[in-house]
Amino acid sequence: MTQRTWPCRSDGLRYTALPFLTKDTGRAAPPSENHALSRPPNPRFHRARFAPGSPPLASDRRDFSNLPNDVLAKIAASFALPNLQAASLVCRAWRDALRPLREGMLFLRWGKRFKHGRGGVRPNLNKALDSFLKGAARGSTLAMVDAGLVYWEMGKKEEGVALYRRAAELGDPAGQCNLGISYLQAEPPNLKEAVKWLYQASDAGYVRAQYQLALCLHQGRGVDRNLPEAARWYLRAAEGGYVRAMYNTSLCYSVGEGLIRSHRQARKWMKRAADRGHSKAQFEHGLGLFSVGEMMKAVIYLELATRAGESAAAHVKNVILQQLSASSRDRAMLLADNWRALPSSR
């Protein structure tokens, strides 16, 4: 099977984000024939920035094509394939420097195929690990995290944590999150290190880390207990699609813990969690619907919660079913059978 590591040949700059400057004069070099896209200088831009006769700012004399390969590789280590391909199109120097990472993306893709049995291959955890490690050796933090996950599943936690740490130190939010959780689960746990890495991943917008950080703040693990701060991170993770955070956000609004008490917001987030398959949210949302007389909807959510293992939901559901006609009961069960959870981050 032929796999291309480069989308097209390029002998020069594909585009320029900043004008490249000559070394002897400090002035913008004229567009070369190799430029696929070039723009004339904008006189309004230059007049706004520089007084007549003043030299260009030092930051405008930087030629980003001259970044050392190891620096560029570290910058791009956590790039997903589309961003990596875009960066590789900047110039020949970047294309060459990022070639190992593009190769790492191919090994990452094959590793996922072997792990999950996709693309016409049978699941094989050993082959998946081998592919992930080859991608990691080429500098891909995405491959490091997946290799760490496989090691963790195999019970080789030290090897997994070492790969998480490599990815985390290169700025990968998933690696930072997994490293933080590993410290939480260690015997004995290293709570200070856990919170440090969870904060970094949370600031980068990684919703699982935001939820885990909120739990630490809520419980006072590795950090002083801070309910308003915990609720803020629950809410950010919920807004990012993390279903467990939706449920906890609903509870915070319901009792006024860390957030201003609001039954409307509590119901909104409980329903969102229920619609994404959170069994406890389905149970509690079903109870809420029952309390306001929406029997059919209540039965559906309580049936879903029952199927997910919430045994207490079955008793309430049976009480409601006795109040419904046979056709309404059948209709409710049919809707439950055809229900599909909305997509979410678990």
C-alpha atoms as a PDB file:
ATOM      1  CA  MET A   1       0.000   0.000   0.000  1.00  0.00           C
ATOM      2  CA  THR A   2       1.567   3.277  -1.134  1.00  0.00           C
ATOM      3  CA  GLN A   3       1.559   6.043   1.430  1.00  0.00           C
ATOM      4  CA  ARG A   4       2.683   9.580   0.589  1.00  0.00           C
ATOM      5  CA  THR A   5       4.536  11.463   3.272  1.00  0.00           C
ATOM      6  CA  TRP A   6       4.405  14.743   1.391  1.00  0.00           C
ATOM      7  CA  PRO A   7       1.335  16.067  -0.428  1.00  0.00           C
ATOM      8  CA  CYS A   8       3.217  17.663  -3.314  1.00  0.00           C
ATOM      9  CA  ARG A   9       6.709  18.614  -4.436  1.00  0.00           C
ATOM     10  CA  SER A  10       7.973  22.060  -3.563  1.00  0.00           C
ATOM     11  CA  ASP A  11      11.247  23.702  -4.516  1.00  0.00           C
ATOM     12  CA  GLY A  12      10.683  26.921  -2.680  1.00  0.00           C
ATOM     13  CA  LEU A  13       8.360  28.957  -0.534  1.00  0.00           C
ATOM     14  CA  ARG A  14       4.674  28.158  -0.842  1.00  0.00           C
ATOM     15  CA  TYR A  15       3.634  31.302   1.017  1.00  0.00           C
ATOM     16  CA  THR A  16       5.096  33.831   3.408  1.00  0.00           C
ATOM     17  CA  ALA A  17       3.522  34.892   6.662  1.00  0.00           C
ATOM     18  CA  LEU A  18       6.066  37.720   7.021  1.00  0.00           C
ATOM     19  CA  PRO A  19       8.289  39.398   4.377  1.00  0.00           C
ATOM     20  CA  PHE A  20      11.660  37.691   4.310  1.00  0.00           C
ATOM     21  CA  LEU A  21      14.484  40.245   4.598  1.00  0.00           C
ATOM     22  CA  THR A  22      17.915  40.399   3.031  1.00  0.00           C
ATOM     23  CA  LYS A  23      20.847  40.251   5.411  1.00  0.00           C
ATOM     24  CA  ASP A  24      22.865  43.119   3.965  1.00  0.00           C
ATOM     25  CA  THR A  25      20.223  45.875   3.723  1.00  0.00           C
ATOM     26  CA  GLY A  26      17.476  44.780   6.124  1.00  0.00           C
ATOM     27  CA  ARG A  27      14.941  45.518   3.375  1.00  0.00           C
ATOM     28  CA  ALA A  28      12.309  43.128   2.137  1.00  0.00           C
ATOM     29  CA  ALA A  29      13.645  40.907  -0.586  1.00  0.00           C
ATOM     30  CA  PRO A  30      11.779  41.007  -3.932  1.00  0.00           C
ATOM     31  CA  PRO A  31       9.392  38.144  -4.636  1.00  0.00           C
ATOM     32  CA  SER A  32      11.212  35.197  -6.145  1.00  0.00           C
ATOM     33  CA  GLU A  33       9.988  33.017  -8.980  1.00  0.00           C
ATOM     34  CA  ASN A  34       9.541  30.201  -6.473  1.00  0.00           C
ATOM     35  CA  HIS A  35       6.834  32.007  -4.542  1.00  0.00           C
ATOM     36  CA  ALA A  36       3.463  30.432  -5.154  1.00  0.00           C
ATOM     37  CA  LEU A  37       1.797  33.386  -3.421  1.00  0.00           C
ATOM     38  CA  SER A  38       3.268  36.804  -2.852  1.00  0.00           C
ATOM     39  CA  ARG A  39       1.804  40.124  -1.833  1.00  0.00           C
ATOM     40  CA  PRO A  40       2.971  43.662  -2.533  1.00  0.00           C
ATOM     41  CA  PRO A  41       3.875  45.639   0.562  1.00  0.00           C
ATOM     42  CA  ASN A  42       1.003  47.515   2.145  1.00  0.00           C
ATOM     43  CA  PRO A  43       2.047  51.181   2.438  1.00  0.00           C
ATOM     44  CA  ARG A  44      -0.694  51.882   4.984  1.00  0.00           C
ATOM     45  CA  PHE A  45       0.662  49.108   7.195  1.00  0.00           C
ATOM     46  CA  HIS A  46       4.227  50.408   7.048  1.00  0.00           C
ATOM     47  CA  ARG A  47       3.272  54.034   7.629  1.00  0.00           C
ATOM     48  CA  ALA A  48       1.273  53.015  10.677  1.00  0.00           C
ATOM     49  CA  ARG A  49       4.174  51.138  12.227  1.00  0.00           C
ATOM     50  CA  PHE A  50       7.278  53.127  11.334  1.00  0.00           C
ATOM     51  CA  ALA A  51       8.183  56.776  11.351  1.00  0.00           C
ATOM     52  CA  PRO A  52       9.933  58.015   8.178  1.00  0.00           C
ATOM     53  CA  GLY A  53      13.520  56.863   8.117  1.00  0.00           C
ATOM     54  CA  SER A  54      13.233  54.607  11.144  1.00  0.00           C
ATOM     55  CA  PRO A  55      14.693  51.070  10.846  1.00  0.00           C
ATOM     56  CA  PRO A  56      12.373  48.029  10.890  1.00  0.00           C
ATOM     57  CA  LEU A  57      11.748  46.394  14.241  1.00  0.00           C
ATOM     58  CA  ALA A  58      14.121  43.574  15.147  1.00  0.00           C
ATOM     59  CA  SER A  59      11.238  41.067  15.120  1.00  0.00           C
ATOM     60  CA  ASP A  60      10.638  41.869  11.415  1.00  0.00           C
ATOM     61  CA  ARG A  61      14.207  40.869  10.474  1.00  0.00           C
ATOM     62  CA  ARG A  62      13.719  37.255  11.507  1.00  0.00           C
ATOM     63  CA  ASP A  63      13.777  34.642   8.781  1.00  0.00           C
ATOM     64  CA  PHE A  64      11.648  31.826  10.202  1.00  0.00           C
ATOM     65  CA  SER A  65      12.940  29.426   7.567  1.00  0.00           C
ATOM     66  CA  ASN A  66      16.264  29.463   9.454  1.00  0.00           C
ATOM     67  CA  LEU A  67      14.880  27.962  12.660  1.00  0.00           C
ATOM     68  CA  PRO A  68      17.069  25.038  13.790  1.00  0.00           C
ATOM     69  CA  ASN A  69      15.557  21.683  12.922  1.00  0.00           C
ATOM     70  CA  ASP A  70      15.436  20.484  16.524  1.00  0.00           C
ATOM     71  CA  VAL A  71      13.618  23.643  17.648  1.00  0.00           C
ATOM     72  CA  LEU A  72      11.102  23.371  14.821  1.00  0.00           C
ATOM     73  CA  ALA A  73      10.546  19.685  15.562  1.00  0.00           C
ATOM     74  CA  LYS A  74       9.802  20.474  19.220  1.00  0.00           C
ATOM     75  CA  ILE A  75       7.374  23.220  18.224  1.00  0.00           C
ATOM     76  CA  ALA A  76       5.511  20.881  15.874  1.00  0.00           C
ATOM     77  CA  ALA A  77       5.772  17.728  18.001  1.00  0.00           C
ATOM     78  CA  SER A  78       2.134  17.888  19.118  1.00  0.00           C
ATOM     79  CA  PHE A  79       0.701  18.990  15.763  1.00  0.00           C
ATOM     80  CA  ALA A  80      -2.139  16.983  14.285  1.00  0.00           C
ATOM     81  CA  LEU A  81      -1.730  15.974  10.630  1.00  0.00           C
ATOM     82  CA  PRO A  82      -3.510  18.984   9.016  1.00  0.00           C
ATOM     83  CA  ASN A  83      -1.391  21.517  10.932  1.00  0.00           C
ATOM     84  CA  LEU A  84       1.748  19.511  10.299  1.00  0.00           C
ATOM     85  CA  GLN A  85       1.055  19.439   6.558  1.00  0.00           C
ATOM     86  CA  ALA A  86       0.356  23.174   6.544  1.00  0.00           C
ATOM     87  CA  ALA A  87       3.614  23.909   8.378  1.00  0.00           C
ATOM     88  CA  SER A  88       5.505  21.694   5.951  1.00  0.00           C
ATOM     89  CA  LEU A  89       4.300  23.828   3.039  1.00  0.00           C
ATOM     90  CA  VAL A  90       5.936  27.006   4.338  1.00  0.00           C
ATOM     91  CA  CYS A  91       9.341  26.425   2.770  1.00  0.00           C
ATOM     92  CA  ARG A  92      11.827  23.737   1.818  1.00  0.00           C
ATOM     93  CA  ALA A  93      13.685  24.013   5.147  1.00  0.00           C
ATOM     94  CA  TRP A  94      10.499  23.371   7.129  1.00  0.00           C
ATOM     95  CA  ARG A  95       9.489  20.558   4.803  1.00  0.00           C
ATOM     96  CA  ASP A  96      12.803  18.792   5.391  1.00  0.00           C
ATOM     97  CA  ALA A  97      12.848  19.449   9.143  1.00  0.00           C
ATOM     98  CA  LEU A  98       9.332  18.095   9.614  1.00  0.00           C
ATOM     99  CA  ARG A  99       9.777  14.977   7.505  1.00  0.00           C
ATOM    100  CA  PRO A 100      10.301  12.705  10.578  1.00  0.00           C
ATOM    101  CA  LEU A 101       7.062  13.984  12.119  1.00  0.00           C
ATOM    102  CA  ARG A 102       5.152  13.319   8.898  1.00  0.00           C
ATOM    103  CA  GLU A 103       6.536   9.787   8.921  1.00  0.00           C
ATOM    104  CA  GLY A 104       5.485   9.556  12.572  1.00  0.00           C
ATOM    105  CA  MET A 105       1.930  10.379  11.519  1.00  0.00           C
ATOM    106  CA  LEU A 106       1.906   7.356   9.220  1.00  0.00           C
ATOM    107  CA  PHE A 107       3.060   5.076  12.041  1.00  0.00           C
ATOM    108  CA  LEU A 108       0.427   6.645  14.296  1.00  0.00           C
ATOM    109  CA  ARG A 109      -2.271   5.893  11.726  1.00  0.00           C
ATOM    110  CA  TRP A 110      -1.181   2.273  11.381  1.00  0.00           C
ATOM    111  CA  GLY A 111      -0.970   1.923  15.149  1.00  0.00           C
ATOM    112  CA  LYS A 112      -4.604   2.998  15.495  1.00  0.00           C
ATOM    113  CA  ARG A 113      -5.618   0.530  12.787  1.00  0.00           C
ATOM    114  CA  PHE A 114      -3.906  -2.325  14.597  1.00  0.00           C
ATOM    115  CA  LYS A 115      -5.267  -1.273  17.973  1.00  0.00           C
ATOM    116  CA  HIS A 116      -8.893  -0.969  16.891  1.00  0.00           C
ATOM    117  CA  GLY A 117      -8.997  -3.366  13.942  1.00  0.00           C
ATOM    118  CA  ARG A 118      -9.681  -0.719  11.329  1.00  0.00           C
ATOM    119  CA  GLY A 119      -8.767  -0.343   7.679  1.00  0.00           C
ATOM    120  CA  GLY A 120      -8.946  -4.035   6.870  1.00  0.00           C
ATOM    121  CA  VAL A 121      -6.502  -5.233   9.540  1.00  0.00           C
ATOM    122  CA  ARG A 122      -7.158  -7.416  12.550  1.00  0.00           C
ATOM    123  CA  PRO A 123      -6.648  -6.037  16.049  1.00  0.00           C
ATOM    124  CA  ASN A 124      -3.106  -6.688  17.257  1.00  0.00           C
ATOM    125  CA  LEU A 125      -1.965  -4.815  20.346  1.00  0.00           C
ATOM    126  CA  ASN A 126       1.707  -5.733  19.896  1.00  0.00           C
ATOM    127  CA  LYS A 127       1.784  -4.413  16.331  1.00  0.00           C
ATOM    128  CA  ALA A 128      -0.088  -1.323  17.472  1.00  0.00           C
ATOM    129  CA  LEU A 129       2.513  -0.676  20.165  1.00  0.00           C
ATOM    130  CA  ASP A 130       5.349  -1.198  17.700  1.00  0.00           C
ATOM    131  CA  SER A 131       3.836   1.353  15.298  1.00  0.00           C
ATOM    132  CA  PHE A 132       3.196   3.863  18.063  1.00  0.00           C
ATOM    133  CA  LEU A 133       6.779   3.527  19.330  1.00  0.00           C
ATOM    134  CA  LYS A 134       8.134   4.129  15.821  1.00  0.00           C
ATOM    135  CA  GLY A 135       6.019   7.261  15.609  1.00  0.00           C
ATOM    136  CA  ALA A 136       7.206   8.344  19.051  1.00  0.00           C
ATOM    137  CA  ALA A 137      10.840   7.809  18.013  1.00  0.00           C
ATOM    138  CA  ARG A 138      10.246  10.325  15.218  1.00  0.00           C
ATOM    139  CA  GLY A 139       9.111  12.928  17.723  1.00  0.00           C
ATOM    140  CA  SER A 140       5.309  12.715  17.552  1.00  0.00           C
ATOM    141  CA  THR A 141       3.754  13.392  20.943  1.00  0.00           C
ATOM    142  CA  LEU A 142       0.463  11.954  19.682  1.00  0.00           C
ATOM    143  CA  ALA A 143       2.219   8.629  19.140  1.00  0.00           C
ATOM    144  CA  MET A 144       3.905   8.905  22.556  1.00  0.00           C
ATOM    145  CA  VAL A 145       0.523   9.243  24.267  1.00  0.00           C
ATOM    146  CA  ASP A 146      -0.990   6.306  22.376  1.00  0.00           C
ATOM    147  CA  ALA A 147       2.047   4.137  23.117  1.00  0.00           C
ATOM    148  CA  GLY A 148       1.756   5.111  26.768  1.00  0.00           C
ATOM    149  CA  LEU A 149      -1.907   4.078  26.768  1.00  0.00           C
ATOM    150  CA  VAL A 150      -1.034   0.657  25.344  1.00  0.00           C
ATOM    151  CA  TYR A 151       1.702   0.161  27.939  1.00  0.00           C
ATOM    152  CA  TRP A 152      -0.794   1.164  30.640  1.00  0.00           C
ATOM    153  CA  GLU A 153      -3.323  -1.370  29.340  1.00  0.00           C
ATOM    154  CA  MET A 154      -0.604  -4.035  29.383  1.00  0.00           C
ATOM    155  CA  GLY A 155       0.125  -3.267  33.031  1.00  0.00           C
ATOM    156  CA  LYS A 156       3.518  -1.708  32.227  1.00  0.00           C
ATOM    157  CA  LYS A 157       2.716   1.544  33.977  1.00  0.00           C
ATOM    158  CA  GLU A 158       6.288   2.802  34.386  1.00  0.00           C
ATOM    159  CA  GLU A 159       6.866   2.624  30.633  1.00  0.00           C
ATOM    160  CA  GLY A 160       3.548   4.350  30.046  1.00  0.00           C
ATOM    161  CA  VAL A 161       4.302   7.165  32.495  1.00  0.00           C
ATOM    162  CA  ALA A 162       7.727   7.716  30.893  1.00  0.00           C
ATOM    163  CA  LEU A 163       6.070   8.283  27.520  1.00  0.00           C
ATOM    164  CA  TYR A 164       3.415  10.536  29.027  1.00  0.00           C
ATOM    165  CA  ARG A 165       6.189  12.593  30.590  1.00  0.00           C
ATOM    166  CA  ARG A 166       8.023  12.961  27.264  1.00  0.00           C
ATOM    167  CA  ALA A 167       4.833  14.143  25.585  1.00  0.00           C
ATOM    168  CA  ALA A 168       3.944  16.435  28.490  1.00  0.00           C
ATOM    169  CA  GLU A 169       7.336  18.133  28.488  1.00  0.00           C
ATOM    170  CA  LEU A 170       6.896  18.821  24.770  1.00  0.00           C
ATOM    171  CA  GLY A 171       3.614  20.601  25.518  1.00  0.00           C
ATOM    172  CA  ASP A 172       1.071  17.946  24.539  1.00  0.00           C
ATOM    173  CA  PRO A 173      -2.159  18.512  26.568  1.00  0.00           C
ATOM    174  CA  ALA A 174      -3.204  14.848  26.413  1.00  0.00           C
ATOM    175  CA  GLY A 175       0.197  13.789  27.684  1.00  0.00           C
ATOM    176  CA  GLN A 176       0.021  16.388  30.460  1.00  0.00           C
ATOM    177  CA  CYS A 177      -3.438  15.196  31.465  1.00  0.00           C
ATOM    178  CA  ASN A 178      -2.504  11.514  31.443  1.00  0.00           C
ATOM    179  CA  LEU A 179       0.659  12.227  33.398  1.00  0.00           C
ATOM    180  CA  GLY A 180      -1.350  14.143  35.988  1.00  0.00           C
ATOM    181  CA  ILE A 181      -3.882  11.317  36.336  1.00  0.00           C
ATOM    182  CA  SER A 182      -1.027   8.809  36.614  1.00  0.00           C
ATOM    183  CA  TYR A 183       0.356  10.757  39.568  1.00  0.00           C
ATOM    184  CA  LEU A 184      -3.109  10.769  41.158  1.00  0.00           C
ATOM    185  CA  GLN A 185      -3.344   6.987  40.828  1.00  0.00           C
ATOM    186  CA  ALA A 186       0.218   6.215  41.903  1.00  0.00           C
ATOM    187  CA  GLU A 187       0.966   4.406  45.180  1.00  0.00           C
ATOM    188  CA  PRO A 188       1.530   6.666  47.007  1.00  0.00           C
ATOM    189  CA  PRO A 189       0.005   9.465  44.900  1.00  0.00           C
ATOM    190  CA  ASN A 190       2.086  12.517  44.014  1.00  0.00           C
ATOM    191  CA  LEU A 191      -0.675  15.110  44.325  1.00  0.00           C
ATOM    192  CA  LYS A 192       1.487  18.204  43.874  1.00  0.00           C
ATOM    193  CA  GLU A 193       2.869  16.983  40.538  1.00  0.00           C
ATOM    194  CA  ALA A 194      -0.586  15.797  39.475  1.00  0.00           C
ATOM    195  CA  VAL A 195      -2.152  19.208  39.992  1.00  0.00           C
ATOM    196  CA  LYS A 196       0.758  20.954  38.257  1.00  0.00           C
ATOM    197  CA  TRP A 197       0.294  18.972  35.047  1.00  0.00           C
ATOM    198  CA  LEU A 198      -3.499  19.108  35.199  1.00  0.00           C
ATOM    199  CA  TYR A 199      -3.328  22.899  35.403  1.00  0.00           C
ATOM    200  CA  GLN A 200      -1.128  23.039  32.304  1.00  0.00           C
ATOM    201  CA  ALA A 201      -3.434  20.792  30.299  1.00  0.00           C
ATOM    202  CA  SER A 202      -6.497  22.669  31.543  1.00  0.00           C
ATOM    203  CA  ASP A 203      -5.083  26.027  30.494  1.00  0.00           C
ATOM    204  CA  ALA A 204      -4.549  24.513  27.031  1.00  0.00           C
ATOM    205  CA  GLY A 205      -8.269  23.689  26.862  1.00  0.00           C
ATOM    206  CA  TYR A 206      -8.121  19.924  27.391  1.00  0.00           C
ATOM    207  CA  VAL A 207     -11.556  19.131  28.837  1.00  0.00           C
ATOM    208  CA  ARG A 208     -10.676  15.872  30.586  1.00  0.00           C
ATOM    209  CA  ALA A 209      -7.913  17.658  32.484  1.00  0.00           C
ATOM    210  CA  GLN A 210     -10.313  20.477  33.362  1.00  0.00           C
ATOM    211  CA  TYR A 211     -12.700  17.952  34.894  1.00  0.00           C
ATOM    212  CA  GLN A 212      -9.946  16.180  36.831  1.00  0.00           C
ATOM    213  CA  LEU A 213      -8.585  19.502  38.071  1.00  0.00           C
ATOM    214  CA  ALA A 214     -12.078  20.496  39.208  1.00  0.00           C
ATOM    215  CA  LEU A 215     -12.316  17.254  41.195  1.00  0.00           C
ATOM    216  CA  CYS A 216      -8.997  18.012  42.899  1.00  0.00           C
ATOM    217  CA  LEU A 217     -10.148  21.521  43.780  1.00  0.00           C
ATOM    218  CA  HIS A 218     -13.514  20.210  44.959  1.00  0.00           C
ATOM    219  CA  GLN A 219     -11.969  17.522  47.160  1.00  0.00           C
ATOM    220  CA  GLY A 220      -8.852  19.439  48.234  1.00  0.00           C
ATOM    221  CA  ARG A 221      -6.464  16.890  46.694  1.00  0.00           C
ATOM    222  CA  GLY A 222      -3.021  18.391  46.150  1.00  0.00           C
ATOM    223  CA  VAL A 223      -4.435  21.889  46.436  1.00  0.00           C
ATOM    224  CA  ASP A 224      -6.504  23.907  48.887  1.00  0.00           C
ATOM    225  CA  ARG A 225     -10.225  23.169  48.605  1.00  0.00           C
ATOM    226  CA  ASN A 226     -11.810  25.880  46.472  1.00  0.00           C
ATOM    227  CA  LEU A 227     -15.441  25.367  45.464  1.00  0.00           C
ATOM    228  CA  PRO A 228     -15.853  28.443  43.229  1.00  0.00           C
ATOM    229  CA  GLU A 229     -12.677  27.539  41.320  1.00  0.00           C
ATOM    230  CA  ALA A 230     -13.797  23.903  41.056  1.00  0.00           C
ATOM    231  CA  ALA A 231     -17.198  24.957  39.714  1.00  0.00           C
ATOM    232  CA  ARG A 232     -15.510  27.231  37.175  1.00  0.00           C
ATOM    233  CA  TRP A 233     -13.474  24.327  35.793  1.00  0.00           C
ATOM    234  CA  TYR A 234     -16.512  22.022  35.825  1.00  0.00           C
ATOM    235  CA  LEU A 235     -18.364  24.611  33.756  1.00  0.00           C
ATOM    236  CA  ARG A 236     -15.497  25.068  31.295  1.00  0.00           C
ATOM    237  CA  ALA A 237     -15.232  21.301  30.784  1.00  0.00           C
ATOM    238  CA  ALA A 238     -19.023  21.048  30.412  1.00  0.00           C
ATOM    239  CA  GLU A 239     -19.030  23.778  27.789  1.00  0.00           C
ATOM    240  CA  GLY A 240     -16.281  21.834  26.021  1.00  0.00           C
ATOM    241  CA  GLY A 241     -18.530  18.765  25.794  1.00  0.00           C
ATOM    242  CA  TYR A 242     -17.312  16.653  28.711  1.00  0.00           C
ATOM    243  CA  VAL A 243     -20.401  14.789  29.893  1.00  0.00           C
ATOM    244  CA  ARG A 244     -19.282  14.078  33.478  1.00  0.00           C
ATOM    245  CA  ALA A 245     -18.594  17.771  33.927  1.00  0.00           C
ATOM    246  CA  MET A 246     -22.110  18.539  32.670  1.00  0.00           C
ATOM    247  CA  TYR A 247     -23.551  16.390  35.444  1.00  0.00           C
ATOM    248  CA  ASN A 248     -21.380  17.996  38.143  1.00  0.00           C
ATOM    249  CA  THR A 249     -22.137  21.471  36.796  1.00  0.00           C
ATOM    250  CA  SER A 250     -25.835  20.697  37.161  1.00  0.00           C
ATOM    251  CA  LEU A 251     -25.303  19.659  40.780  1.00  0.00           C
ATOM    252  CA  CYS A 252     -23.343  22.857  41.503  1.00  0.00           C
ATOM    253  CA  TYR A 253     -26.176  24.980  40.123  1.00  0.00           C
ATOM    254  CA  SER A 254     -28.781  22.872  41.926  1.00  0.00           C
ATOM    255  CA  VAL A 255     -27.355  23.372  45.420  1.00  0.00           C
ATOM    256  CA  GLY A 256     -25.515  26.652  44.838  1.00  0.00           C
ATOM    257  CA  GLU A 257     -22.078  25.145  45.453  1.00  0.00           C
ATOM    258  CA  GLY A 258     -19.469  27.334  43.785  1.00  0.00           C
ATOM    259  CA  LEU A 259     -22.081  28.789  41.438  1.00  0.00           C
ATOM    260  CA  ILE A 260     -25.133  30.963  42.021  1.00  0.00           C
ATOM    261  CA  ARG A 261     -28.078  28.657  42.609  1.00  0.00           C
ATOM    262  CA  SER A 262     -30.225  28.339  39.483  1.00  0.00           C
ATOM    263  CA  HIS A 263     -32.831  25.626  38.909  1.00  0.00           C
ATOM    264  CA  ARG A 264     -33.047  26.560  35.231  1.00  0.00           C
ATOM    265  CA  GLN A 265     -29.295  26.106  34.686  1.00  0.00           C
ATOM    266  CA  ALA A 266     -29.359  22.914  36.766  1.00  0.00           C
ATOM    267  CA  ARG A 267     -32.108  21.436  34.571  1.00  0.00           C
ATOM    268  CA  LYS A 268     -30.336  22.526  31.381  1.00  0.00           C
ATOM    269  CA  TRP A 269     -27.049  20.827  32.239  1.00  0.00           C
ATOM    270  CA  MET A 270     -28.752  17.740  33.660  1.00  0.00           C
ATOM    271  CA  LYS A 271     -30.658  17.264  30.406  1.00  0.00           C
ATOM    272  CA  ARG A 272     -27.495  17.771  28.362  1.00  0.00           C
ATOM    273  CA  ALA A 273     -25.721  15.095  30.378  1.00  0.00           C
ATOM    274  CA  ALA A 274     -28.729  12.759  30.113  1.00  0.00           C
ATOM    275  CA  ASP A 275     -28.942  13.229  26.338  1.00  0.00           C
ATOM    276  CA  ARG A 276     -25.295  12.189  26.086  1.00  0.00           C
ATOM    277  CA  GLY A 277     -25.752   8.950  27.976  1.00  0.00           C
ATOM    278  CA  HIS A 278     -24.892   9.778  31.589  1.00  0.00           C
ATOM    279  CA  SER A 279     -26.988   7.224  33.485  1.00  0.00           C
ATOM    280  CA  LYS A 280     -27.301   9.150  36.764  1.00  0.00           C
ATOM    281  CA  ALA A 281     -28.322  12.249  34.819  1.00  0.00           C
ATOM    282  CA  GLN A 282     -30.953  10.205  32.965  1.00  0.00           C
ATOM    283  CA  PHE A 283     -32.340   9.008  36.307  1.00  0.00           C
ATOM    284  CA  GLU A 284     -32.419  12.455  37.872  1.00  0.00           C
ATOM    285  CA  HIS A 285     -33.744  14.132  34.746  1.00  0.00           C
ATOM    286  CA  GLY A 286     -36.487  11.504  34.591  1.00  0.00           C
ATOM    287  CA  LEU A 287     -37.421  12.279  38.193  1.00  0.00           C
ATOM    288  CA  GLY A 288     -37.544  15.974  37.347  1.00  0.00           C
ATOM    289  CA  LEU A 289     -39.864  15.352  34.419  1.00  0.00           C
ATOM    290  CA  PHE A 290     -42.074  13.165  36.605  1.00  0.00           C
ATOM    291  CA  SER A 291     -42.315  15.928  39.208  1.00  0.00           C
ATOM    292  CA  VAL A 292     -43.723  18.364  36.629  1.00  0.00           C
ATOM    293  CA  GLY A 293     -46.153  15.828  35.140  1.00  0.00           C
ATOM    294  CA  GLU A 294     -44.356  14.974  31.868  1.00  0.00           C
ATOM    295  CA  MET A 295     -44.996  11.265  32.221  1.00  0.00           C
ATOM    296  CA  MET A 296     -44.052  10.031  28.747  1.00  0.00           C
ATOM    297  CA  LYS A 297     -40.691  11.794  28.699  1.00  0.00           C
ATOM    298  CA  ALA A 298     -40.031  10.711  32.274  1.00  0.00           C
ATOM    299  CA  VAL A 299     -40.591   7.052  31.373  1.00  0.00           C
ATOM    300  CA  ILE A 300     -38.157   7.254  28.464  1.00  0.00           C
ATOM    301  CA  TYR A 301     -35.300   8.684  30.540  1.00  0.00           C
ATOM    302  CA  LEU A 302     -36.021   6.333  33.454  1.00  0.00           C
ATOM    303  CA  GLU A 303     -36.034   3.359  31.069  1.00  0.00           C
ATOM    304  CA  LEU A 304     -32.684   4.469  29.645  1.00  0.00           C
ATOM    305  CA  ALA A 305     -31.275   4.827  33.163  1.00  0.00           C
ATOM    306  CA  THR A 306     -32.592   1.378  34.079  1.00  0.00           C
ATOM    307  CA  ARG A 307     -30.905  -0.185  31.056  1.00  0.00           C
ATOM    308  CA  ALA A 308     -27.664   1.538  32.038  1.00  0.00           C
ATOM    309  CA  GLY A 309     -27.759  -0.088  35.491  1.00  0.00           C
ATOM    310  CA  GLU A 310     -29.562   2.484  37.664  1.00  0.00           C
ATOM    311  CA  SER A 311     -31.743   0.000  39.540  1.00  0.00           C
ATOM    312  CA  ALA A 312     -33.581   2.672  41.533  1.00  0.00           C
ATOM    313  CA  ALA A 313     -34.942   4.103  38.268  1.00  0.00           C
ATOM    314  CA  ALA A 314     -36.875   0.913  37.560  1.00  0.00           C
ATOM    315  CA  HIS A 315     -39.187   1.320  40.558  1.00  0.00           C
ATOM    316  CA  VAL A 316     -40.175   4.892  39.641  1.00  0.00           C
ATOM    317  CA  LYS A 317     -40.614   3.914  36.009  1.00  0.00           C
ATOM    318  CA  ASN A 318     -43.001   1.059  36.911  1.00  0.00           C
ATOM    319  CA  VAL A 319     -45.071   3.404  39.061  1.00  0.00           C
ATOM    320  CA  ILE A 320     -45.477   5.789  36.122  1.00  0.00           C
ATOM    321  CA  LEU A 321     -46.228   3.003  33.635  1.00  0.00           C
ATOM    322  CA  GLN A 322     -49.252   2.000  35.681  1.00  0.00           C
ATOM    323  CA  GLN A 323     -50.697   5.458  35.028  1.00  0.00           C
ATOM    324  CA  LEU A 324     -50.239   5.290  31.257  1.00  0.00           C
ATOM    325  CA  SER A 325     -52.391   3.617  28.621  1.00  0.00           C
ATOM    326  CA  ALA A 326     -51.101   0.548  26.816  1.00  0.00           C
ATOM    327  CA  SER A 327     -50.462   2.538  23.626  1.00  0.00           C
ATOM    328  CA  SER A 328     -48.515   5.192  25.562  1.00  0.00           C
ATOM    329  CA  ARG A 329     -46.415   2.515  27.265  1.00  0.00           C
ATOM    330  CA  ASP A 330     -45.611   0.914  23.913  1.00  0.00           C
ATOM    331  CA  ARG A 331     -44.774   4.277  22.419  1.00  0.00           C
ATOM    332  CA  ALA A 332     -42.414   5.108  25.284  1.00  0.00           C
ATOM    333  CA  MET A 333     -40.584   1.778  24.985  1.00  0.00           C
ATOM    334  CA  LEU A 334     -40.262   2.238  21.209  1.00  0.00           C
ATOM    335  CA  LEU A 335     -38.725   5.670  21.684  1.00  0.00           C
ATOM    336  CA  ALA A 336     -36.311   4.256  24.245  1.00  0.00           C
ATOM    337  CA  ASP A 337     -35.330   1.470  21.831  1.00  0.00           C
ATOM    338  CA  ASN A 338     -34.553   3.993  19.087  1.00  0.00           C
ATOM    339  CA  TRP A 339     -32.747   6.474  21.332  1.00  0.00           C
ATOM    340  CA  ARG A 340     -29.151   7.348  20.476  1.00  0.00           C
ATOM    341  CA  ALA A 341     -26.820   9.383  22.668  1.00  0.00           C
ATOM    342  CA  LEU A 342     -25.570  12.723  21.394  1.00  0.00           C
ATOM    343  CA  PRO A 343     -21.808  12.919  20.793  1.00  0.00           C
ATOM    344  CA  SER A 344     -19.690  14.030  23.708  1.00  0.00           C
ATOM    345  CA  SER A 345     -16.256  13.926  25.281  1.00  0.00           C
ATOM    346  CA  ARG A 346     -16.340  11.255  27.975  1.00  0.00           C
END
